[in-house]
Amino acid sequence: MTKLTAMTADGTAGLEPCQVVPAESLLSAAPAEQGAVVFDQDGKTCGLWEATPYAERMEDYPFFELAHILSGAVVITPEGGAPQRFSAGQSYFMEKGFTGRFEVVETCRKAYFVTG
């Protein structure tokens, strides 16, 4: 039987405290984070992640990531590039190797899929 999981903006069912953001990458105070992994197999992971406002510097991001913002907003600034804002209802694709700034500007919940 194939499993089907709803990944929505409302409610916190299934979300648990986590720490995804590496302390050494922080440019601000650490966020409060919570998440839920829906699928994790063969180097591919899908889930929900939520964080309060914070900023970090990403160096050589280790995954390809497709993310859909369910609530809140982030601003992503590639090194040498212009800031791009993504808010509820918008999606982004970040390539493996990304270097730049990632900032949650409004408490953000996203659905994501990453692969190496």
PDB file of N, CA and C in Angstrom:
ATOM      1  N   MET A   1       0.838  -1.174   0.000  1.00  0.00           N
ATOM      2  CA  MET A   1       0.000   0.000   0.000  1.00  0.00           C
ATOM      3  C   MET A   1       0.887   1.243   0.000  1.00  0.00           C
ATOM      4  N   THR A   2       0.562   2.219  -0.823  1.00  0.00           N
ATOM      5  CA  THR A   2       1.290   3.465  -0.903  1.00  0.00           C
ATOM      6  C   THR A   2       0.817   4.404   0.190  1.00  0.00           C
ATOM      7  N   LYS A   3       1.756   5.038   0.846  1.00  0.00           N
ATOM      8  CA  LYS A   3       1.447   5.978   1.922  1.00  0.00           C
ATOM      9  C   LYS A   3       1.213   7.364   1.328  1.00  0.00           C
ATOM     10  N   LEU A   4       0.246   8.083   1.860  1.00  0.00           N
ATOM     11  CA  LEU A   4      -0.055   9.448   1.448  1.00  0.00           C
ATOM     12  C   LEU A   4      -0.041  10.316   2.693  1.00  0.00           C
ATOM     13  N   THR A   5       0.731  11.411   2.667  1.00  0.00           N
ATOM     14  CA  THR A   5       0.845  12.299   3.817  1.00  0.00           C
ATOM     15  C   THR A   5       0.512  13.717   3.405  1.00  0.00           C
ATOM     16  N   ALA A   6      -0.422  14.359   4.128  1.00  0.00           N
ATOM     17  CA  ALA A   6      -0.737  15.764   3.889  1.00  0.00           C
ATOM     18  C   ALA A   6       0.334  16.626   4.546  1.00  0.00           C
ATOM     19  N   MET A   7       0.831  17.616   3.813  1.00  0.00           N
ATOM     20  CA  MET A   7       1.848  18.525   4.341  1.00  0.00           C
ATOM     21  C   MET A   7       1.271  19.933   4.239  1.00  0.00           C
ATOM     22  N   THR A   8       0.720  20.418   5.359  1.00  0.00           N
ATOM     23  CA  THR A   8      -0.049  21.657   5.332  1.00  0.00           C
ATOM     24  C   THR A   8       0.540  22.726   6.250  1.00  0.00           C
ATOM     25  N   ALA A   9       0.024  23.938   6.099  1.00  0.00           N
ATOM     26  CA  ALA A   9       0.492  25.075   6.890  1.00  0.00           C
ATOM     27  C   ALA A   9      -0.153  25.139   8.264  1.00  0.00           C
ATOM     28  N   ASP A  10      -1.293  24.521   8.438  1.00  0.00           N
ATOM     29  CA  ASP A  10      -2.008  24.634   9.705  1.00  0.00           C
ATOM     30  C   ASP A  10      -1.669  23.482  10.644  1.00  0.00           C
ATOM     31  N   GLY A  11      -1.690  23.782  11.919  1.00  0.00           N
ATOM     32  CA  GLY A  11      -1.438  22.750  12.919  1.00  0.00           C
ATOM     33  C   GLY A  11       0.024  22.396  13.066  1.00  0.00           C
ATOM     34  N   THR A  12       0.347  21.734  14.175  1.00  0.00           N
ATOM     35  CA  THR A  12       1.723  21.322  14.422  1.00  0.00           C
ATOM     36  C   THR A  12       1.813  19.825  14.669  1.00  0.00           C
ATOM     37  N   ALA A  13       0.768  19.095  14.339  1.00  0.00           N
ATOM     38  CA  ALA A  13       0.767  17.648  14.561  1.00  0.00           C
ATOM     39  C   ALA A  13       1.966  17.015  13.876  1.00  0.00           C
ATOM     40  N   GLY A  14       2.700  16.247  14.626  1.00  0.00           N
ATOM     41  CA  GLY A  14       3.838  15.529  14.069  1.00  0.00           C
ATOM     42  C   GLY A  14       5.143  16.306  14.082  1.00  0.00           C
ATOM     43  N   LEU A  15       5.086  17.621  14.305  1.00  0.00           N
ATOM     44  CA  LEU A  15       6.317  18.401  14.365  1.00  0.00           C
ATOM     45  C   LEU A  15       6.944  18.251  15.745  1.00  0.00           C
ATOM     46  N   GLU A  16       8.254  18.071  15.756  1.00  0.00           N
ATOM     47  CA  GLU A  16       8.985  17.917  17.009  1.00  0.00           C
ATOM     48  C   GLU A  16      10.166  18.871  17.011  1.00  0.00           C
ATOM     49  N   PRO A  17      10.595  19.331  18.189  1.00  0.00           N
ATOM     50  CA  PRO A  17      11.769  20.198  18.242  1.00  0.00           C
ATOM     51  C   PRO A  17      12.951  19.522  17.547  1.00  0.00           C
ATOM     52  N   CYS A  18      13.721  20.318  16.820  1.00  0.00           N
ATOM     53  CA  CYS A  18      14.898  19.808  16.121  1.00  0.00           C
ATOM     54  C   CYS A  18      15.935  20.922  16.041  1.00  0.00           C
ATOM     55  N   GLN A  19      17.117  20.578  15.569  1.00  0.00           N
ATOM     56  CA  GLN A  19      18.162  21.569  15.350  1.00  0.00           C
ATOM     57  C   GLN A  19      18.843  21.235  14.031  1.00  0.00           C
ATOM     58  N   VAL A  20      18.384  21.899  12.980  1.00  0.00           N
ATOM     59  CA  VAL A  20      18.902  21.669  11.643  1.00  0.00           C
ATOM     60  C   VAL A  20      19.999  22.678  11.304  1.00  0.00           C
ATOM     61  N   VAL A  21      19.827  23.910  11.763  1.00  0.00           N
ATOM     62  CA  VAL A  21      20.767  24.986  11.433  1.00  0.00           C
ATOM     63  C   VAL A  21      22.066  24.799  12.220  1.00  0.00           C
ATOM     64  N   PRO A  22      23.202  24.660  11.527  1.00  0.00           N
ATOM     65  CA  PRO A  22      24.481  24.498  12.229  1.00  0.00           C
ATOM     66  C   PRO A  22      24.843  25.773  12.997  1.00  0.00           C
ATOM     67  N   ALA A  23      25.209  25.641  14.255  1.00  0.00           N
ATOM     68  CA  ALA A  23      25.542  26.791  15.103  1.00  0.00           C
ATOM     69  C   ALA A  23      26.640  27.649  14.476  1.00  0.00           C
ATOM     70  N   GLU A  24      27.606  27.013  13.820  1.00  0.00           N
ATOM     71  CA  GLU A  24      28.729  27.758  13.246  1.00  0.00           C
ATOM     72  C   GLU A  24      28.335  28.623  12.045  1.00  0.00           C
ATOM     73  N   SER A  25      27.148  28.395  11.482  1.00  0.00           N
ATOM     74  CA  SER A  25      26.723  29.184  10.322  1.00  0.00           C
ATOM     75  C   SER A  25      25.853  30.385  10.709  1.00  0.00           C
ATOM     76  N   LEU A  26      25.459  30.473  11.972  1.00  0.00           N
ATOM     77  CA  LEU A  26      24.537  31.522  12.419  1.00  0.00           C
ATOM     78  C   LEU A  26      25.133  32.917  12.318  1.00  0.00           C
ATOM     79  N   LEU A  27      24.317  33.860  11.833  1.00  0.00           N
ATOM     80  CA  LEU A  27      24.674  35.276  11.788  1.00  0.00           C
ATOM     81  C   LEU A  27      23.824  36.060  12.791  1.00  0.00           C
ATOM     82  N   SER A  28      22.973  35.360  13.515  1.00  0.00           N
ATOM     83  CA  SER A  28      22.067  35.956  14.493  1.00  0.00           C
ATOM     84  C   SER A  28      21.860  34.943  15.610  1.00  0.00           C
ATOM     85  N   ALA A  29      20.934  35.258  16.500  1.00  0.00           N
ATOM     86  CA  ALA A  29      20.576  34.293  17.542  1.00  0.00           C
ATOM     87  C   ALA A  29      19.987  33.049  16.881  1.00  0.00           C
ATOM     88  N   ALA A  30      20.143  31.909  17.534  1.00  0.00           N
ATOM     89  CA  ALA A  30      19.621  30.644  17.002  1.00  0.00           C
ATOM     90  C   ALA A  30      18.093  30.667  16.964  1.00  0.00           C
ATOM     91  N   PRO A  31      17.506  30.069  15.931  1.00  0.00           N
ATOM     92  CA  PRO A  31      16.050  30.007  15.850  1.00  0.00           C
ATOM     93  C   PRO A  31      15.488  28.886  16.709  1.00  0.00           C
ATOM     94  N   ALA A  32      14.207  28.975  17.016  1.00  0.00           N
ATOM     95  CA  ALA A  32      13.472  27.825  17.547  1.00  0.00           C
ATOM     96  C   ALA A  32      13.031  27.048  16.317  1.00  0.00           C
ATOM     97  N   GLU A  33      13.395  25.770  16.256  1.00  0.00           N
ATOM     98  CA  GLU A  33      13.086  24.953  15.089  1.00  0.00           C
ATOM     99  C   GLU A  33      12.236  23.757  15.483  1.00  0.00           C
ATOM    100  N   GLN A  34      11.388  23.338  14.558  1.00  0.00           N
ATOM    101  CA  GLN A  34      10.675  22.078  14.708  1.00  0.00           C
ATOM    102  C   GLN A  34      10.474  21.489  13.330  1.00  0.00           C
ATOM    103  N   GLY A  35      10.344  20.180  13.278  1.00  0.00           N
ATOM    104  CA  GLY A  35      10.218  19.538  11.984  1.00  0.00           C
ATOM    105  C   GLY A  35       9.642  18.145  12.076  1.00  0.00           C
ATOM    106  N   ALA A  36       9.391  17.588  10.915  1.00  0.00           N
ATOM    107  CA  ALA A  36       8.907  16.213  10.804  1.00  0.00           C
ATOM    108  C   ALA A  36       9.434  15.652   9.489  1.00  0.00           C
ATOM    109  N   VAL A  37      10.106  14.516   9.569  1.00  0.00           N
ATOM    110  CA  VAL A  37      10.577  13.834   8.369  1.00  0.00           C
ATOM    111  C   VAL A  37       9.472  12.880   7.929  1.00  0.00           C
ATOM    112  N   VAL A  38       9.026  13.043   6.694  1.00  0.00           N
ATOM    113  CA  VAL A  38       7.951  12.226   6.141  1.00  0.00           C
ATOM    114  C   VAL A  38       8.526  11.009   5.415  1.00  0.00           C
ATOM    115  N   PHE A  39       9.683  11.215   4.772  1.00  0.00           N
ATOM    116  CA  PHE A  39      10.314  10.161   3.973  1.00  0.00           C
ATOM    117  C   PHE A  39      11.819  10.355   4.048  1.00  0.00           C
ATOM    118  N   ASP A  40      12.562   9.272   4.266  1.00  0.00           N
ATOM    119  CA  ASP A  40      14.023   9.330   4.306  1.00  0.00           C
ATOM    120  C   ASP A  40      14.558   7.980   3.840  1.00  0.00           C
ATOM    121  N   GLN A  41      15.021   7.952   2.586  1.00  0.00           N
ATOM    122  CA  GLN A  41      15.481   6.688   2.017  1.00  0.00           C
ATOM    123  C   GLN A  41      16.455   6.969   0.881  1.00  0.00           C
ATOM    124  N   ASP A  42      17.531   6.216   0.825  1.00  0.00           N
ATOM    125  CA  ASP A  42      18.500   6.281  -0.271  1.00  0.00           C
ATOM    126  C   ASP A  42      18.997   7.697  -0.540  1.00  0.00           C
ATOM    127  N   GLY A  43      19.265   8.469   0.517  1.00  0.00           N
ATOM    128  CA  GLY A  43      19.796   9.818   0.346  1.00  0.00           C
ATOM    129  C   GLY A  43      18.782  10.856  -0.077  1.00  0.00           C
ATOM    130  N   LYS A  44      17.524  10.504  -0.011  1.00  0.00           N
ATOM    131  CA  LYS A  44      16.438  11.432  -0.353  1.00  0.00           C
ATOM    132  C   LYS A  44      15.583  11.630   0.892  1.00  0.00           C
ATOM    133  N   THR A  45      15.287  12.904   1.224  1.00  0.00           N
ATOM    134  CA  THR A  45      14.511  13.207   2.418  1.00  0.00           C
ATOM    135  C   THR A  45      13.431  14.216   2.076  1.00  0.00           C
ATOM    136  N   CYS A  46      12.250  13.992   2.632  1.00  0.00           N
ATOM    137  CA  CYS A  46      11.100  14.870   2.429  1.00  0.00           C
ATOM    138  C   CYS A  46      10.485  15.136   3.801  1.00  0.00           C
ATOM    139  N   GLY A  47      10.089  16.367   4.040  1.00  0.00           N
ATOM    140  CA  GLY A  47       9.471  16.660   5.324  1.00  0.00           C
ATOM    141  C   GLY A  47       8.990  18.080   5.456  1.00  0.00           C
ATOM    142  N   LEU A  48       8.693  18.440   6.694  1.00  0.00           N
ATOM    143  CA  LEU A  48       8.270  19.782   7.062  1.00  0.00           C
ATOM    144  C   LEU A  48       9.308  20.357   8.008  1.00  0.00           C
ATOM    145  N   TRP A  49       9.551  21.656   7.907  1.00  0.00           N
ATOM    146  CA  TRP A  49      10.483  22.338   8.796  1.00  0.00           C
ATOM    147  C   TRP A  49       9.928  23.709   9.091  1.00  0.00           C
ATOM    148  N   GLU A  50      10.068  24.126  10.333  1.00  0.00           N
ATOM    149  CA  GLU A  50       9.596  25.438  10.747  1.00  0.00           C
ATOM    150  C   GLU A  50      10.662  26.088  11.609  1.00  0.00           C
ATOM    151  N   ALA A  51      10.850  27.406  11.434  1.00  0.00           N
ATOM    152  CA  ALA A  51      11.831  28.136  12.232  1.00  0.00           C
ATOM    153  C   ALA A  51      11.368  29.561  12.467  1.00  0.00           C
ATOM    154  N   THR A  52      11.757  30.080  13.641  1.00  0.00           N
ATOM    155  CA  THR A  52      11.530  31.488  13.951  1.00  0.00           C
ATOM    156  C   THR A  52      12.608  32.310  13.234  1.00  0.00           C
ATOM    157  N   PRO A  53      12.431  33.636  13.157  1.00  0.00           N
ATOM    158  CA  PRO A  53      13.404  34.461  12.419  1.00  0.00           C
ATOM    159  C   PRO A  53      14.847  34.283  12.888  1.00  0.00           C
ATOM    160  N   TYR A  54      15.736  34.214  11.905  1.00  0.00           N
ATOM    161  CA  TYR A  54      17.180  34.110  12.121  1.00  0.00           C
ATOM    162  C   TYR A  54      17.865  34.305  10.772  1.00  0.00           C
ATOM    163  N   ALA A  55      19.192  34.397  10.801  1.00  0.00           N
ATOM    164  CA  ALA A  55      19.976  34.490   9.566  1.00  0.00           C
ATOM    165  C   ALA A  55      21.190  33.574   9.685  1.00  0.00           C
ATOM    166  N   GLU A  56      21.579  32.998   8.550  1.00  0.00           N
ATOM    167  CA  GLU A  56      22.771  32.148   8.514  1.00  0.00           C
ATOM    168  C   GLU A  56      23.503  32.326   7.197  1.00  0.00           C
ATOM    169  N   ARG A  57      24.777  32.002   7.217  1.00  0.00           N
ATOM    170  CA  ARG A  57      25.581  31.956   5.999  1.00  0.00           C
ATOM    171  C   ARG A  57      25.730  30.499   5.607  1.00  0.00           C
ATOM    172  N   MET A  58      25.327  30.191   4.395  1.00  0.00           N
ATOM    173  CA  MET A  58      25.463  28.830   3.876  1.00  0.00           C
ATOM    174  C   MET A  58      26.712  28.765   3.007  1.00  0.00           C
ATOM    175  N   GLU A  59      27.500  27.743   3.216  1.00  0.00           N
ATOM    176  CA  GLU A  59      28.717  27.512   2.424  1.00  0.00           C
ATOM    177  C   GLU A  59      28.617  26.138   1.792  1.00  0.00           C
ATOM    178  N   ASP A  60      28.612  26.084   0.473  1.00  0.00           N
ATOM    179  CA  ASP A  60      28.632  24.807  -0.244  1.00  0.00           C
ATOM    180  C   ASP A  60      27.519  23.874   0.254  1.00  0.00           C
ATOM    181  N   TYR A  61      26.272  24.332   0.129  1.00  0.00           N
ATOM    182  CA  TYR A  61      25.102  23.576   0.592  1.00  0.00           C
ATOM    183  C   TYR A  61      25.169  22.137   0.062  1.00  0.00           C
ATOM    184  N   PRO A  62      25.009  21.136   0.929  1.00  0.00           N
ATOM    185  CA  PRO A  62      25.283  19.749   0.532  1.00  0.00           C
ATOM    186  C   PRO A  62      24.159  19.018  -0.216  1.00  0.00           C
ATOM    187  N   PHE A  63      23.046  19.697  -0.521  1.00  0.00           N
ATOM    188  CA  PHE A  63      21.906  19.025  -1.158  1.00  0.00           C
ATOM    189  C   PHE A  63      21.375  19.826  -2.337  1.00  0.00           C
ATOM    190  N   PHE A  64      20.594  19.162  -3.171  1.00  0.00           N
ATOM    191  CA  PHE A  64      19.658  19.818  -4.065  1.00  0.00           C
ATOM    192  C   PHE A  64      18.371  19.895  -3.253  1.00  0.00           C
ATOM    193  N   GLU A  65      17.736  21.061  -3.186  1.00  0.00           N
ATOM    194  CA  GLU A  65      16.528  21.205  -2.376  1.00  0.00           C
ATOM    195  C   GLU A  65      15.418  21.893  -3.159  1.00  0.00           C
ATOM    196  N   LEU A  66      14.244  21.284  -3.130  1.00  0.00           N
ATOM    197  CA  LEU A  66      13.031  21.904  -3.627  1.00  0.00           C
ATOM    198  C   LEU A  66      12.182  22.188  -2.395  1.00  0.00           C
ATOM    199  N   ALA A  67      11.795  23.441  -2.199  1.00  0.00           N
ATOM    200  CA  ALA A  67      11.021  23.821  -1.021  1.00  0.00           C
ATOM    201  C   ALA A  67       9.803  24.636  -1.425  1.00  0.00           C
ATOM    202  N   HIS A  68       8.725  24.431  -0.685  1.00  0.00           N
ATOM    203  CA  HIS A  68       7.497  25.197  -0.876  1.00  0.00           C
ATOM    204  C   HIS A  68       7.161  25.852   0.457  1.00  0.00           C
ATOM    205  N   ILE A  69       7.063  27.173   0.460  1.00  0.00           N
ATOM    206  CA  ILE A  69       6.776  27.918   1.683  1.00  0.00           C
ATOM    207  C   ILE A  69       5.276  27.819   1.978  1.00  0.00           C
ATOM    208  N   LEU A  70       4.969  27.253   3.134  1.00  0.00           N
ATOM    209  CA  LEU A  70       3.573  27.090   3.549  1.00  0.00           C
ATOM    210  C   LEU A  70       3.077  28.298   4.334  1.00  0.00           C
ATOM    211  N   SER A  71       3.954  28.901   5.121  1.00  0.00           N
ATOM    212  CA  SER A  71       3.608  30.121   5.867  1.00  0.00           C
ATOM    213  C   SER A  71       4.894  30.870   6.171  1.00  0.00           C
ATOM    214  N   GLY A  72       4.778  32.175   6.397  1.00  0.00           N
ATOM    215  CA  GLY A  72       5.943  32.993   6.703  1.00  0.00           C
ATOM    216  C   GLY A  72       6.718  33.375   5.461  1.00  0.00           C
ATOM    217  N   ALA A  73       7.997  33.740   5.662  1.00  0.00           N
ATOM    218  CA  ALA A  73       8.812  34.204   4.533  1.00  0.00           C
ATOM    219  C   ALA A  73      10.292  34.039   4.823  1.00  0.00           C
ATOM    220  N   VAL A  74      11.049  33.818   3.737  1.00  0.00           N
ATOM    221  CA  VAL A  74      12.506  33.765   3.785  1.00  0.00           C
ATOM    222  C   VAL A  74      13.071  34.704   2.720  1.00  0.00           C
ATOM    223  N   VAL A  75      14.290  35.161   2.947  1.00  0.00           N
ATOM    224  CA  VAL A  75      15.032  35.914   1.940  1.00  0.00           C
ATOM    225  C   VAL A  75      16.338  35.157   1.724  1.00  0.00           C
ATOM    226  N   ILE A  76      16.602  34.789   0.473  1.00  0.00           N
ATOM    227  CA  ILE A  76      17.795  34.033   0.117  1.00  0.00           C
ATOM    228  C   ILE A  76      18.640  34.915  -0.803  1.00  0.00           C
ATOM    229  N   THR A  77      19.907  35.079  -0.443  1.00  0.00           N
ATOM    230  CA  THR A  77      20.805  35.937  -1.218  1.00  0.00           C
ATOM    231  C   THR A  77      22.021  35.131  -1.660  1.00  0.00           C
ATOM    232  N   PRO A  78      22.070  34.754  -2.940  1.00  0.00           N
ATOM    233  CA  PRO A  78      23.254  34.035  -3.436  1.00  0.00           C
ATOM    234  C   PRO A  78      24.483  34.943  -3.355  1.00  0.00           C
ATOM    235  N   GLU A  79      25.641  34.370  -3.075  1.00  0.00           N
ATOM    236  CA  GLU A  79      26.865  35.155  -3.034  1.00  0.00           C
ATOM    237  C   GLU A  79      27.030  35.910  -4.345  1.00  0.00           C
ATOM    238  N   GLY A  80      27.170  37.225  -4.255  1.00  0.00           N
ATOM    239  CA  GLY A  80      27.334  38.058  -5.444  1.00  0.00           C
ATOM    240  C   GLY A  80      26.036  38.334  -6.173  1.00  0.00           C
ATOM    241  N   GLY A  81      24.894  37.886  -5.621  1.00  0.00           N
ATOM    242  CA  GLY A  81      23.607  38.067  -6.291  1.00  0.00           C
ATOM    243  C   GLY A  81      22.655  38.927  -5.480  1.00  0.00           C
ATOM    244  N   ALA A  82      21.491  39.117  -6.026  1.00  0.00           N
ATOM    245  CA  ALA A  82      20.465  39.934  -5.386  1.00  0.00           C
ATOM    246  C   ALA A  82      19.602  39.086  -4.455  1.00  0.00           C
ATOM    247  N   PRO A  83      19.114  39.679  -3.356  1.00  0.00           N
ATOM    248  CA  PRO A  83      18.218  38.954  -2.456  1.00  0.00           C
ATOM    249  C   PRO A  83      16.915  38.591  -3.168  1.00  0.00           C
ATOM    250  N   GLN A  84      16.397  37.407  -2.843  1.00  0.00           N
ATOM    251  CA  GLN A  84      15.107  36.972  -3.375  1.00  0.00           C
ATOM    252  C   GLN A  84      14.227  36.563  -2.205  1.00  0.00           C
ATOM    253  N   ARG A  85      13.008  37.090  -2.170  1.00  0.00           N
ATOM    254  CA  ARG A  85      12.071  36.806  -1.086  1.00  0.00           C
ATOM    255  C   ARG A  85      11.070  35.748  -1.548  1.00  0.00           C
ATOM    256  N   PHE A  86      10.825  34.766  -0.676  1.00  0.00           N
ATOM    257  CA  PHE A  86       9.841  33.718  -0.940  1.00  0.00           C
ATOM    258  C   PHE A  86       8.891  33.683   0.247  1.00  0.00           C
ATOM    259  N   SER A  87       7.590  33.761  -0.035  1.00  0.00           N
ATOM    260  CA  SER A  87       6.596  33.756   1.029  1.00  0.00           C
ATOM    261  C   SER A  87       5.534  32.707   0.739  1.00  0.00           C
ATOM    262  N   ALA A  88       4.552  32.603   1.628  1.00  0.00           N
ATOM    263  CA  ALA A  88       3.527  31.560   1.548  1.00  0.00           C
ATOM    264  C   ALA A  88       2.990  31.408   0.123  1.00  0.00           C
ATOM    265  N   GLY A  89       3.001  30.167  -0.345  1.00  0.00           N
ATOM    266  CA  GLY A  89       2.504  29.854  -1.680  1.00  0.00           C
ATOM    267  C   GLY A  89       3.582  29.850  -2.747  1.00  0.00           C
ATOM    268  N   GLN A  90       4.807  30.251  -2.405  1.00  0.00           N
ATOM    269  CA  GLN A  90       5.897  30.284  -3.372  1.00  0.00           C
ATOM    270  C   GLN A  90       6.883  29.147  -3.102  1.00  0.00           C
ATOM    271  N   SER A  91       7.623  28.786  -4.134  1.00  0.00           N
ATOM    272  CA  SER A  91       8.591  27.693  -4.050  1.00  0.00           C
ATOM    273  C   SER A  91       9.949  28.160  -4.543  1.00  0.00           C
ATOM    274  N   TYR A  92      10.991  27.444  -4.114  1.00  0.00           N
ATOM    275  CA  TYR A  92      12.322  27.700  -4.649  1.00  0.00           C
ATOM    276  C   TYR A  92      13.065  26.383  -4.810  1.00  0.00           C
ATOM    277  N   PHE A  93      14.053  26.410  -5.713  1.00  0.00           N
ATOM    278  CA  PHE A  93      14.954  25.280  -5.911  1.00  0.00           C
ATOM    279  C   PHE A  93      16.359  25.788  -5.636  1.00  0.00           C
ATOM    280  N   MET A  94      17.058  25.173  -4.690  1.00  0.00           N
ATOM    281  CA  MET A  94      18.425  25.548  -4.355  1.00  0.00           C
ATOM    282  C   MET A  94      19.356  24.424  -4.810  1.00  0.00           C
ATOM    283  N   GLU A  95      20.347  24.789  -5.606  1.00  0.00           N
ATOM    284  CA  GLU A  95      21.276  23.780  -6.104  1.00  0.00           C
ATOM    285  C   GLU A  95      22.319  23.398  -5.061  1.00  0.00           C
ATOM    286  N   LYS A  96      22.732  22.161  -5.128  1.00  0.00           N
ATOM    287  CA  LYS A  96      23.849  21.678  -4.321  1.00  0.00           C
ATOM    288  C   LYS A  96      25.040  22.595  -4.598  1.00  0.00           C
ATOM    289  N   GLY A  97      25.742  22.981  -3.538  1.00  0.00           N
ATOM    290  CA  GLY A  97      26.886  23.870  -3.694  1.00  0.00           C
ATOM    291  C   GLY A  97      26.555  25.337  -3.472  1.00  0.00           C
ATOM    292  N   PHE A  98      25.267  25.652  -3.238  1.00  0.00           N
ATOM    293  CA  PHE A  98      24.860  27.041  -3.011  1.00  0.00           C
ATOM    294  C   PHE A  98      25.692  27.648  -1.886  1.00  0.00           C
ATOM    295  N   THR A  99      26.120  28.888  -2.100  1.00  0.00           N
ATOM    296  CA  THR A  99      26.788  29.673  -1.068  1.00  0.00           C
ATOM    297  C   THR A  99      26.110  31.033  -1.025  1.00  0.00           C
ATOM    298  N   GLY A 100      25.758  31.477   0.179  1.00  0.00           N
ATOM    299  CA  GLY A 100      25.097  32.764   0.330  1.00  0.00           C
ATOM    300  C   GLY A 100      24.429  32.879   1.680  1.00  0.00           C
ATOM    301  N   ARG A 101      23.477  33.785   1.766  1.00  0.00           N
ATOM    302  CA  ARG A 101      22.770  34.077   3.013  1.00  0.00           C
ATOM    303  C   ARG A 101      21.350  33.531   2.930  1.00  0.00           C
ATOM    304  N   PHE A 102      20.920  32.893   4.006  1.00  0.00           N
ATOM    305  CA  PHE A 102      19.547  32.388   4.132  1.00  0.00           C
ATOM    306  C   PHE A 102      18.978  33.028   5.387  1.00  0.00           C
ATOM    307  N   GLU A 103      17.857  33.727   5.246  1.00  0.00           N
ATOM    308  CA  GLU A 103      17.271  34.425   6.382  1.00  0.00           C
ATOM    309  C   GLU A 103      15.773  34.177   6.463  1.00  0.00           C
ATOM    310  N   VAL A 104      15.317  33.727   7.613  1.00  0.00           N
ATOM    311  CA  VAL A 104      13.886  33.628   7.882  1.00  0.00           C
ATOM    312  C   VAL A 104      13.478  34.994   8.424  1.00  0.00           C
ATOM    313  N   VAL A 105      12.620  35.700   7.690  1.00  0.00           N
ATOM    314  CA  VAL A 105      12.216  37.051   8.096  1.00  0.00           C
ATOM    315  C   VAL A 105      10.862  37.072   8.798  1.00  0.00           C
ATOM    316  N   GLU A 106      10.070  36.029   8.614  1.00  0.00           N
ATOM    317  CA  GLU A 106       8.817  35.810   9.340  1.00  0.00           C
ATOM    318  C   GLU A 106       8.781  34.323   9.648  1.00  0.00           C
ATOM    319  N   THR A 107       8.415  33.952  10.873  1.00  0.00           N
ATOM    320  CA  THR A 107       8.399  32.531  11.225  1.00  0.00           C
ATOM    321  C   THR A 107       7.875  31.749  10.033  1.00  0.00           C
ATOM    322  N   CYS A 108       8.654  30.781   9.600  1.00  0.00           N
ATOM    323  CA  CYS A 108       8.425  30.112   8.321  1.00  0.00           C
ATOM    324  C   CYS A 108       8.227  28.619   8.509  1.00  0.00           C
ATOM    325  N   ARG A 109       7.248  28.095   7.798  1.00  0.00           N
ATOM    326  CA  ARG A 109       7.079  26.654   7.680  1.00  0.00           C
ATOM    327  C   ARG A 109       7.187  26.307   6.205  1.00  0.00           C
ATOM    328  N   LYS A 110       7.999  25.288   5.913  1.00  0.00           N
ATOM    329  CA  LYS A 110       8.143  24.868   4.519  1.00  0.00           C
ATOM    330  C   LYS A 110       8.055  23.362   4.414  1.00  0.00           C
ATOM    331  N   ALA A 111       7.579  22.912   3.276  1.00  0.00           N
ATOM    332  CA  ALA A 111       7.651  21.509   2.887  1.00  0.00           C
ATOM    333  C   ALA A 111       8.864  21.417   1.976  1.00  0.00           C
ATOM    334  N   TYR A 112       9.690  20.386   2.173  1.00  0.00           N
ATOM    335  CA  TYR A 112      10.923  20.290   1.407  1.00  0.00           C
ATOM    336  C   TYR A 112      11.187  18.871   0.930  1.00  0.00           C
ATOM    337  N   PHE A 113      11.991  18.799  -0.131  1.00  0.00           N
ATOM    338  CA  PHE A 113      12.529  17.535  -0.622  1.00  0.00           C
ATOM    339  C   PHE A 113      13.994  17.800  -0.925  1.00  0.00           C
ATOM    340  N   VAL A 114      14.891  17.028  -0.318  1.00  0.00           N
ATOM    341  CA  VAL A 114      16.323  17.172  -0.587  1.00  0.00           C
ATOM    342  C   VAL A 114      16.916  15.845  -1.043  1.00  0.00           C
ATOM    343  N   THR A 115      17.936  15.968  -1.877  1.00  0.00           N
ATOM    344  CA  THR A 115      18.681  14.808  -2.331  1.00  0.00           C
ATOM    345  C   THR A 115      20.124  15.235  -2.550  1.00  0.00           C
ATOM    346  N   GLY A 116      21.028  14.296  -2.371  1.00  0.00           N
ATOM    347  CA  GLY A 116      22.457  14.594  -2.563  1.00  0.00           C
ATOM    348  C   GLY A 116      22.805  14.543  -3.997  1.00  0.00           C
TER     349      GLY A 116
END
